[in-house]
Amino acid sequence: MFGFDIPSLTFFAAAIPAVALVGLSKGGLGGAFALIGVPLMALVVSPVDAAAIFLPILILMDLVALYAWRHHNDRKLLLKFLPGGLIGVALGWATSALVPPDALRFVIAVSMILFAGRYFYQTYGPHAGTPVPAAQHRTGPALFWGTLCGYGSFVAHAGGPPFQIYALPLKLDPKAYTGASVRFFALINAIKVVPYVALGALDMHNLKVSLTLLPVALVATMAGAVVVRHMKPAVFYPLAYGLGLIAALKLLWDALPF
């Protein structure tokens, strides 16, 4: 049926949960799940193969998420953030062999930890209850965090936290936030195909392995979208910041030389 040797049960024992977690993230539940997915699959294949197997799956997830969130978006956020994201992918392609991924993971992790810590202090600290106004769009920070997001997505699969650092303080409606996030990362992942092929990261065997995992990807992505659609902002934002903090701690753990 598949025209190649189907991977072992050990592979699927790690790959199915990994794809399910990333699918929940793509559906709208936050970048922490996505960051856990690739390392989990890397327990049974090389990190390079894990990333290559995930890319076609991510693109399918993007298509499902785009359909699920087709009526929700924040056009201004997308337009502000996209130029930096494109610059970041180009820089990642040009310098992927020069910049240690761990250095980037460390910078992103520390930034996100400080950012999430400030939110939880403001929300649950001694001054809890004091209204914090929504942030306004600013071109400079949008370009900076967008570039870091695109770069991190390309070289270290760590694009989620920089997006959250810029977008969460805007206090958008959760559906608008998720719609913009889905559109942004769908574009970034589509653009990444060309440099991944050029770098030899994709081959027919990995593409066929990806095919066996597509049903899990479809179900998990739709499940994530259903959950987020029913979340109120009072639940969504603490959860988003909390998952961002978990993602940052995971990145920091990966970056430290243990």
C-alpha atoms as a PDB file:
ATOM      1  CA  MET A   1       0.000   0.000   0.000  1.00  0.00           C
ATOM      2  CA  PHE A   2       2.669   2.488   1.012  1.00  0.00           C
ATOM      3  CA  GLY A   3       5.430   1.291  -1.339  1.00  0.00           C
ATOM      4  CA  PHE A   4       8.072   1.417   1.414  1.00  0.00           C
ATOM      5  CA  ASP A   5       8.921  -0.206   4.738  1.00  0.00           C
ATOM      6  CA  ILE A   6       6.425   0.993   7.330  1.00  0.00           C
ATOM      7  CA  PRO A   7       8.240   2.268  10.448  1.00  0.00           C
ATOM      8  CA  SER A   8       8.225   0.209  13.631  1.00  0.00           C
ATOM      9  CA  LEU A   9       5.662   0.353  16.415  1.00  0.00           C
ATOM     10  CA  THR A  10       8.289   2.138  18.522  1.00  0.00           C
ATOM     11  CA  PHE A  11       8.373   4.929  15.965  1.00  0.00           C
ATOM     12  CA  PHE A  12       4.587   5.317  15.984  1.00  0.00           C
ATOM     13  CA  ALA A  13       4.491   5.232  19.795  1.00  0.00           C
ATOM     14  CA  ALA A  14       6.489   8.473  19.765  1.00  0.00           C
ATOM     15  CA  ALA A  15       5.340   9.953  16.443  1.00  0.00           C
ATOM     16  CA  ILE A  16       1.568   9.765  17.011  1.00  0.00           C
ATOM     17  CA  PRO A  17       1.618  11.743  20.307  1.00  0.00           C
ATOM     18  CA  ALA A  18       4.093  14.178  18.747  1.00  0.00           C
ATOM     19  CA  VAL A  19       1.855  14.863  15.757  1.00  0.00           C
ATOM     20  CA  ALA A  20      -1.224  15.080  17.986  1.00  0.00           C
ATOM     21  CA  LEU A  21       0.416  17.731  20.192  1.00  0.00           C
ATOM     22  CA  VAL A  22       1.483  19.801  17.193  1.00  0.00           C
ATOM     23  CA  GLY A  23      -2.002  19.452  15.722  1.00  0.00           C
ATOM     24  CA  LEU A  24      -3.574  20.825  18.906  1.00  0.00           C
ATOM     25  CA  SER A  25      -1.140  23.743  18.669  1.00  0.00           C
ATOM     26  CA  LYS A  26      -2.024  24.372  15.037  1.00  0.00           C
ATOM     27  CA  GLY A  27      -5.692  24.271  15.898  1.00  0.00           C
ATOM     28  CA  GLY A  28      -5.132  27.236  18.202  1.00  0.00           C
ATOM     29  CA  LEU A  29      -3.977  25.928  21.597  1.00  0.00           C
ATOM     30  CA  GLY A  30      -0.541  27.539  21.606  1.00  0.00           C
ATOM     31  CA  GLY A  31       3.085  27.042  20.618  1.00  0.00           C
ATOM     32  CA  ALA A  32       4.153  24.990  23.634  1.00  0.00           C
ATOM     33  CA  PHE A  33       2.646  21.820  22.169  1.00  0.00           C
ATOM     34  CA  ALA A  34       4.444  22.433  18.869  1.00  0.00           C
ATOM     35  CA  LEU A  35       7.799  22.791  20.606  1.00  0.00           C
ATOM     36  CA  ILE A  36       7.305  19.470  22.378  1.00  0.00           C
ATOM     37  CA  GLY A  37       6.331  17.631  19.185  1.00  0.00           C
ATOM     38  CA  VAL A  38       9.607  17.645  17.233  1.00  0.00           C
ATOM     39  CA  PRO A  39      11.840  16.639  20.201  1.00  0.00           C
ATOM     40  CA  LEU A  40       9.409  13.826  21.020  1.00  0.00           C
ATOM     41  CA  MET A  41       9.669  12.422  17.495  1.00  0.00           C
ATOM     42  CA  ALA A  42      13.444  12.929  17.656  1.00  0.00           C
ATOM     43  CA  LEU A  43      13.525  10.188  20.299  1.00  0.00           C
ATOM     44  CA  VAL A  44      13.048   7.626  17.522  1.00  0.00           C
ATOM     45  CA  VAL A  45      14.583   9.331  14.443  1.00  0.00           C
ATOM     46  CA  SER A  46      17.336  11.894  13.942  1.00  0.00           C
ATOM     47  CA  PRO A  47      16.416  15.540  14.634  1.00  0.00           C
ATOM     48  CA  VAL A  48      16.921  16.357  10.944  1.00  0.00           C
ATOM     49  CA  ASP A  49      14.552  13.573   9.885  1.00  0.00           C
ATOM     50  CA  ALA A  50      12.047  14.621  12.570  1.00  0.00           C
ATOM     51  CA  ALA A  51      11.973  18.162  11.203  1.00  0.00           C
ATOM     52  CA  ALA A  52      11.705  16.922   7.612  1.00  0.00           C
ATOM     53  CA  ILE A  53       8.875  14.494   8.445  1.00  0.00           C
ATOM     54  CA  PHE A  54       7.002  17.260  10.253  1.00  0.00           C
ATOM     55  CA  LEU A  55       7.134  19.879   7.494  1.00  0.00           C
ATOM     56  CA  PRO A  56       4.569  18.273   5.108  1.00  0.00           C
ATOM     57  CA  ILE A  57       2.389  17.478   8.135  1.00  0.00           C
ATOM     58  CA  LEU A  58       2.611  21.092   9.297  1.00  0.00           C
ATOM     59  CA  ILE A  59       1.519  22.282   5.858  1.00  0.00           C
ATOM     60  CA  LEU A  60      -1.521  19.977   5.924  1.00  0.00           C
ATOM     61  CA  MET A  61      -2.319  21.179   9.439  1.00  0.00           C
ATOM     62  CA  ASP A  62      -2.042  24.743   8.180  1.00  0.00           C
ATOM     63  CA  LEU A  63      -4.601  24.029   5.447  1.00  0.00           C
ATOM     64  CA  VAL A  64      -7.024  22.511   7.953  1.00  0.00           C
ATOM     65  CA  ALA A  65      -6.500  25.385  10.394  1.00  0.00           C
ATOM     66  CA  LEU A  66      -6.924  27.967   7.627  1.00  0.00           C
ATOM     67  CA  TYR A  67     -10.280  26.425   6.764  1.00  0.00           C
ATOM     68  CA  ALA A  68     -11.342  26.207  10.403  1.00  0.00           C
ATOM     69  CA  TRP A  69     -10.430  29.869  11.054  1.00  0.00           C
ATOM     70  CA  ARG A  70     -11.351  31.262   7.628  1.00  0.00           C
ATOM     71  CA  HIS A  71     -13.853  33.722   9.114  1.00  0.00           C
ATOM     72  CA  HIS A  72     -11.516  35.065  11.812  1.00  0.00           C
ATOM     73  CA  ASN A  73      -8.406  37.208  11.410  1.00  0.00           C
ATOM     74  CA  ASP A  74      -6.705  40.396  12.488  1.00  0.00           C
ATOM     75  CA  ARG A  75      -5.485  41.861   9.214  1.00  0.00           C
ATOM     76  CA  LYS A  76      -3.422  44.600  10.844  1.00  0.00           C
ATOM     77  CA  LEU A  77      -1.469  42.137  12.999  1.00  0.00           C
ATOM     78  CA  LEU A  78      -0.770  39.924  10.005  1.00  0.00           C
ATOM     79  CA  LEU A  79       0.410  42.805   7.811  1.00  0.00           C
ATOM     80  CA  LYS A  80       2.582  44.251  10.571  1.00  0.00           C
ATOM     81  CA  PHE A  81       4.242  40.943  11.418  1.00  0.00           C
ATOM     82  CA  LEU A  82       4.695  39.322   8.016  1.00  0.00           C
ATOM     83  CA  PRO A  83       7.591  41.467   6.654  1.00  0.00           C
ATOM     84  CA  GLY A  84       9.799  40.569   9.617  1.00  0.00           C
ATOM     85  CA  GLY A  85       8.829  36.921   9.314  1.00  0.00           C
ATOM     86  CA  LEU A  86       9.925  36.809   5.671  1.00  0.00           C
ATOM     87  CA  ILE A  87      13.207  38.527   6.526  1.00  0.00           C
ATOM     88  CA  GLY A  88      13.760  36.003   9.323  1.00  0.00           C
ATOM     89  CA  VAL A  89      13.271  32.984   7.040  1.00  0.00           C
ATOM     90  CA  ALA A  90      15.699  34.465   4.493  1.00  0.00           C
ATOM     91  CA  LEU A  91      18.287  35.095   7.212  1.00  0.00           C
ATOM     92  CA  GLY A  92      17.778  31.580   8.556  1.00  0.00           C
ATOM     93  CA  TRP A  93      18.399  30.079   5.122  1.00  0.00           C
ATOM     94  CA  ALA A  94      21.500  32.208   4.602  1.00  0.00           C
ATOM     95  CA  THR A  95      23.045  31.641   8.038  1.00  0.00           C
ATOM     96  CA  SER A  96      21.675  28.297   9.227  1.00  0.00           C
ATOM     97  CA  ALA A  97      25.171  26.791   9.253  1.00  0.00           C
ATOM     98  CA  LEU A  98      26.720  29.766  11.079  1.00  0.00           C
ATOM     99  CA  VAL A  99      24.486  30.575  14.065  1.00  0.00           C
ATOM    100  CA  PRO A 100      24.231  27.906  16.800  1.00  0.00           C
ATOM    101  CA  PRO A 101      20.551  27.015  17.258  1.00  0.00           C
ATOM    102  CA  ASP A 102      21.093  26.821  21.026  1.00  0.00           C
ATOM    103  CA  ALA A 103      22.057  30.490  21.140  1.00  0.00           C
ATOM    104  CA  LEU A 104      18.796  31.441  19.473  1.00  0.00           C
ATOM    105  CA  ARG A 105      16.816  29.123  21.748  1.00  0.00           C
ATOM    106  CA  PHE A 106      18.399  30.779  24.788  1.00  0.00           C
ATOM    107  CA  VAL A 107      17.563  34.335  23.666  1.00  0.00           C
ATOM    108  CA  ILE A 108      13.963  33.439  22.813  1.00  0.00           C
ATOM    109  CA  ALA A 109      13.497  31.475  26.042  1.00  0.00           C
ATOM    110  CA  VAL A 110      14.746  34.254  28.322  1.00  0.00           C
ATOM    111  CA  SER A 111      12.636  36.858  26.508  1.00  0.00           C
ATOM    112  CA  MET A 112       9.491  34.743  26.835  1.00  0.00           C
ATOM    113  CA  ILE A 113      10.113  33.900  30.501  1.00  0.00           C
ATOM    114  CA  LEU A 114      10.462  37.597  31.380  1.00  0.00           C
ATOM    115  CA  PHE A 115       7.429  38.453  29.268  1.00  0.00           C
ATOM    116  CA  ALA A 116       5.187  35.765  30.789  1.00  0.00           C
ATOM    117  CA  GLY A 117       6.494  36.538  34.278  1.00  0.00           C
ATOM    118  CA  ARG A 118       5.452  40.168  33.897  1.00  0.00           C
ATOM    119  CA  TYR A 119       1.953  39.117  32.813  1.00  0.00           C
ATOM    120  CA  PHE A 120       1.429  36.771  35.761  1.00  0.00           C
ATOM    121  CA  TYR A 121       2.801  39.374  38.207  1.00  0.00           C
ATOM    122  CA  GLN A 122       0.414  41.997  36.846  1.00  0.00           C
ATOM    123  CA  THR A 123      -2.521  39.564  36.868  1.00  0.00           C
ATOM    124  CA  TYR A 124      -2.002  37.729  40.144  1.00  0.00           C
ATOM    125  CA  GLY A 125       0.531  39.877  42.066  1.00  0.00           C
ATOM    126  CA  PRO A 126      -0.072  42.534  44.734  1.00  0.00           C
ATOM    127  CA  HIS A 127      -1.478  44.963  42.170  1.00  0.00           C
ATOM    128  CA  ALA A 128      -3.856  42.432  40.612  1.00  0.00           C
ATOM    129  CA  GLY A 129      -7.054  44.021  39.396  1.00  0.00           C
ATOM    130  CA  THR A 130      -5.394  47.171  38.117  1.00  0.00           C
ATOM    131  CA  PRO A 131      -6.414  47.432  34.449  1.00  0.00           C
ATOM    132  CA  VAL A 132      -3.566  47.077  31.952  1.00  0.00           C
ATOM    133  CA  PRO A 133      -4.455  48.759  28.650  1.00  0.00           C
ATOM    134  CA  ALA A 134      -4.041  46.865  25.408  1.00  0.00           C
ATOM    135  CA  ALA A 135      -0.774  47.546  23.605  1.00  0.00           C
ATOM    136  CA  GLN A 136      -0.770  49.395  20.292  1.00  0.00           C
ATOM    137  CA  HIS A 137       0.862  48.249  17.064  1.00  0.00           C
ATOM    138  CA  ARG A 138       4.395  49.559  16.605  1.00  0.00           C
ATOM    139  CA  THR A 139       6.374  49.038  13.415  1.00  0.00           C
ATOM    140  CA  GLY A 140       9.807  48.653  15.036  1.00  0.00           C
ATOM    141  CA  PRO A 141       8.865  45.935  17.560  1.00  0.00           C
ATOM    142  CA  ALA A 142       6.725  44.181  14.923  1.00  0.00           C
ATOM    143  CA  LEU A 143       9.709  44.018  12.559  1.00  0.00           C
ATOM    144  CA  PHE A 144      12.086  42.862  15.320  1.00  0.00           C
ATOM    145  CA  TRP A 145       9.869  40.123  16.773  1.00  0.00           C
ATOM    146  CA  GLY A 146       8.666  39.102  13.317  1.00  0.00           C
ATOM    147  CA  THR A 147      12.252  38.620  12.157  1.00  0.00           C
ATOM    148  CA  LEU A 148      13.114  36.629  15.273  1.00  0.00           C
ATOM    149  CA  CYS A 149       9.958  34.580  14.738  1.00  0.00           C
ATOM    150  CA  GLY A 150      10.773  33.729  11.119  1.00  0.00           C
ATOM    151  CA  TYR A 151      14.410  33.024  11.949  1.00  0.00           C
ATOM    152  CA  GLY A 152      13.505  30.873  14.943  1.00  0.00           C
ATOM    153  CA  SER A 153      10.943  28.943  12.936  1.00  0.00           C
ATOM    154  CA  PHE A 154      13.510  28.129  10.263  1.00  0.00           C
ATOM    155  CA  VAL A 155      16.578  27.175  12.313  1.00  0.00           C
ATOM    156  CA  ALA A 156      15.173  25.971  15.640  1.00  0.00           C
ATOM    157  CA  HIS A 157      11.406  25.370  15.219  1.00  0.00           C
ATOM    158  CA  ALA A 158      10.866  28.110  17.799  1.00  0.00           C
ATOM    159  CA  GLY A 159       8.689  30.693  16.100  1.00  0.00           C
ATOM    160  CA  GLY A 160       5.763  30.632  18.526  1.00  0.00           C
ATOM    161  CA  PRO A 161       7.133  32.587  21.525  1.00  0.00           C
ATOM    162  CA  PRO A 162       8.250  35.682  19.535  1.00  0.00           C
ATOM    163  CA  PHE A 163       4.787  35.845  17.964  1.00  0.00           C
ATOM    164  CA  GLN A 164       3.198  35.660  21.406  1.00  0.00           C
ATOM    165  CA  ILE A 165       5.513  38.332  22.827  1.00  0.00           C
ATOM    166  CA  TYR A 166       4.285  40.825  20.248  1.00  0.00           C
ATOM    167  CA  ALA A 167       0.676  39.728  19.753  1.00  0.00           C
ATOM    168  CA  LEU A 168      -0.661  38.760  23.192  1.00  0.00           C
ATOM    169  CA  PRO A 169      -0.371  42.270  24.731  1.00  0.00           C
ATOM    170  CA  LEU A 170      -2.665  43.558  21.968  1.00  0.00           C
ATOM    171  CA  LYS A 171      -5.491  41.782  23.823  1.00  0.00           C
ATOM    172  CA  LEU A 172      -7.306  40.779  20.651  1.00  0.00           C
ATOM    173  CA  ASP A 173     -10.386  38.618  20.617  1.00  0.00           C
ATOM    174  CA  PRO A 174      -9.067  35.022  20.933  1.00  0.00           C
ATOM    175  CA  LYS A 175     -10.607  34.043  17.607  1.00  0.00           C
ATOM    176  CA  ALA A 176      -9.013  37.007  15.791  1.00  0.00           C
ATOM    177  CA  TYR A 177      -5.659  36.288  17.450  1.00  0.00           C
ATOM    178  CA  THR A 178      -5.798  32.622  16.445  1.00  0.00           C
ATOM    179  CA  GLY A 179      -6.882  33.422  12.884  1.00  0.00           C
ATOM    180  CA  ALA A 180      -3.955  35.804  12.401  1.00  0.00           C
ATOM    181  CA  SER A 181      -1.529  33.304  13.955  1.00  0.00           C
ATOM    182  CA  VAL A 182      -2.766  30.494  11.700  1.00  0.00           C
ATOM    183  CA  ARG A 183      -2.376  32.636   8.576  1.00  0.00           C
ATOM    184  CA  PHE A 184       1.087  33.862   9.536  1.00  0.00           C
ATOM    185  CA  PHE A 185       2.572  30.432  10.246  1.00  0.00           C
ATOM    186  CA  ALA A 186       0.879  28.890   7.209  1.00  0.00           C
ATOM    187  CA  LEU A 187       2.688  31.403   5.006  1.00  0.00           C
ATOM    188  CA  ILE A 188       5.998  30.870   6.822  1.00  0.00           C
ATOM    189  CA  ASN A 189       5.808  27.074   6.527  1.00  0.00           C
ATOM    190  CA  ALA A 190       4.911  27.251   2.826  1.00  0.00           C
ATOM    191  CA  ILE A 191       7.891  29.504   2.174  1.00  0.00           C
ATOM    192  CA  LYS A 192      10.196  27.151   4.120  1.00  0.00           C
ATOM    193  CA  VAL A 193       9.610  24.321   1.638  1.00  0.00           C
ATOM    194  CA  VAL A 194      11.985  25.772  -0.964  1.00  0.00           C
ATOM    195  CA  PRO A 195      15.023  26.172   1.320  1.00  0.00           C
ATOM    196  CA  TYR A 196      14.336  22.818   3.018  1.00  0.00           C
ATOM    197  CA  VAL A 197      14.409  21.099  -0.378  1.00  0.00           C
ATOM    198  CA  ALA A 198      17.506  23.069  -1.374  1.00  0.00           C
ATOM    199  CA  LEU A 199      19.274  21.969   1.802  1.00  0.00           C
ATOM    200  CA  GLY A 200      18.357  18.312   1.132  1.00  0.00           C
ATOM    201  CA  ALA A 201      16.206  17.975   4.261  1.00  0.00           C
ATOM    202  CA  LEU A 202      13.262  16.433   2.390  1.00  0.00           C
ATOM    203  CA  ASP A 203      13.396  13.096   0.567  1.00  0.00           C
ATOM    204  CA  MET A 204      10.819  10.593  -0.658  1.00  0.00           C
ATOM    205  CA  HIS A 205      11.186   8.263   2.331  1.00  0.00           C
ATOM    206  CA  ASN A 206      10.437  11.015   4.842  1.00  0.00           C
ATOM    207  CA  LEU A 207       7.537  12.228   2.710  1.00  0.00           C
ATOM    208  CA  LYS A 208       6.027   8.728   2.727  1.00  0.00           C
ATOM    209  CA  VAL A 209       6.436   8.497   6.503  1.00  0.00           C
ATOM    210  CA  SER A 210       4.638  11.831   6.755  1.00  0.00           C
ATOM    211  CA  LEU A 211       1.770  10.330   4.752  1.00  0.00           C
ATOM    212  CA  THR A 212       1.165   7.634   7.376  1.00  0.00           C
ATOM    213  CA  LEU A 213       0.704  10.307  10.070  1.00  0.00           C
ATOM    214  CA  LEU A 214      -1.693  12.598   8.209  1.00  0.00           C
ATOM    215  CA  PRO A 215      -4.920  11.194   9.764  1.00  0.00           C
ATOM    216  CA  VAL A 216      -3.625  12.015  13.254  1.00  0.00           C
ATOM    217  CA  ALA A 217      -2.716  15.507  12.084  1.00  0.00           C
ATOM    218  CA  LEU A 218      -6.216  16.148  10.710  1.00  0.00           C
ATOM    219  CA  VAL A 219      -8.076  15.001  13.832  1.00  0.00           C
ATOM    220  CA  ALA A 220      -5.794  16.836  16.281  1.00  0.00           C
ATOM    221  CA  THR A 221      -5.904  20.131  14.375  1.00  0.00           C
ATOM    222  CA  MET A 222      -9.689  20.161  14.238  1.00  0.00           C
ATOM    223  CA  ALA A 223      -9.867  19.251  17.938  1.00  0.00           C
ATOM    224  CA  GLY A 224      -7.653  22.219  18.833  1.00  0.00           C
ATOM    225  CA  ALA A 225      -9.839  24.562  16.788  1.00  0.00           C
ATOM    226  CA  VAL A 226     -13.024  23.323  18.475  1.00  0.00           C
ATOM    227  CA  VAL A 227     -11.576  23.889  21.963  1.00  0.00           C
ATOM    228  CA  VAL A 228     -10.385  27.443  21.244  1.00  0.00           C
ATOM    229  CA  ARG A 229     -13.716  28.441  19.662  1.00  0.00           C
ATOM    230  CA  HIS A 230     -15.421  27.864  23.003  1.00  0.00           C
ATOM    231  CA  MET A 231     -12.863  29.688  25.174  1.00  0.00           C
ATOM    232  CA  LYS A 232     -13.558  33.048  26.746  1.00  0.00           C
ATOM    233  CA  PRO A 233     -10.727  35.640  26.868  1.00  0.00           C
ATOM    234  CA  ALA A 234     -10.503  35.209  30.670  1.00  0.00           C
ATOM    235  CA  VAL A 235      -9.528  31.572  30.067  1.00  0.00           C
ATOM    236  CA  PHE A 236      -7.690  31.914  26.769  1.00  0.00           C
ATOM    237  CA  TYR A 237      -5.101  34.505  27.793  1.00  0.00           C
ATOM    238  CA  PRO A 238      -3.860  32.893  31.036  1.00  0.00           C
ATOM    239  CA  LEU A 239      -3.678  29.585  29.153  1.00  0.00           C
ATOM    240  CA  ALA A 240      -1.782  31.190  26.245  1.00  0.00           C
ATOM    241  CA  TYR A 241       0.720  32.868  28.557  1.00  0.00           C
ATOM    242  CA  GLY A 242       1.090  29.668  30.578  1.00  0.00           C
ATOM    243  CA  LEU A 243       1.762  27.561  27.488  1.00  0.00           C
ATOM    244  CA  GLY A 244       4.194  30.206  26.277  1.00  0.00           C
ATOM    245  CA  LEU A 245       6.041  29.939  29.586  1.00  0.00           C
ATOM    246  CA  ILE A 246       6.191  26.150  29.266  1.00  0.00           C
ATOM    247  CA  ALA A 247       7.525  26.542  25.739  1.00  0.00           C
ATOM    248  CA  ALA A 248      10.198  28.958  26.962  1.00  0.00           C
ATOM    249  CA  LEU A 249      11.303  26.603  29.733  1.00  0.00           C
ATOM    250  CA  LYS A 250      11.516  23.777  27.189  1.00  0.00           C
ATOM    251  CA  LEU A 251      13.648  25.960  24.903  1.00  0.00           C
ATOM    252  CA  LEU A 252      15.882  26.964  27.807  1.00  0.00           C
ATOM    253  CA  TRP A 253      16.366  23.327  28.785  1.00  0.00           C
ATOM    254  CA  ASP A 254      17.337  22.479  25.193  1.00  0.00           C
ATOM    255  CA  ALA A 255      19.758  25.413  25.035  1.00  0.00           C
ATOM    256  CA  LEU A 256      21.665  24.739  28.257  1.00  0.00           C
ATOM    257  CA  PRO A 257      24.809  22.585  27.905  1.00  0.00           C
ATOM    258  CA  PHE A 258      23.875  19.611  30.103  1.00  0.00           C
END
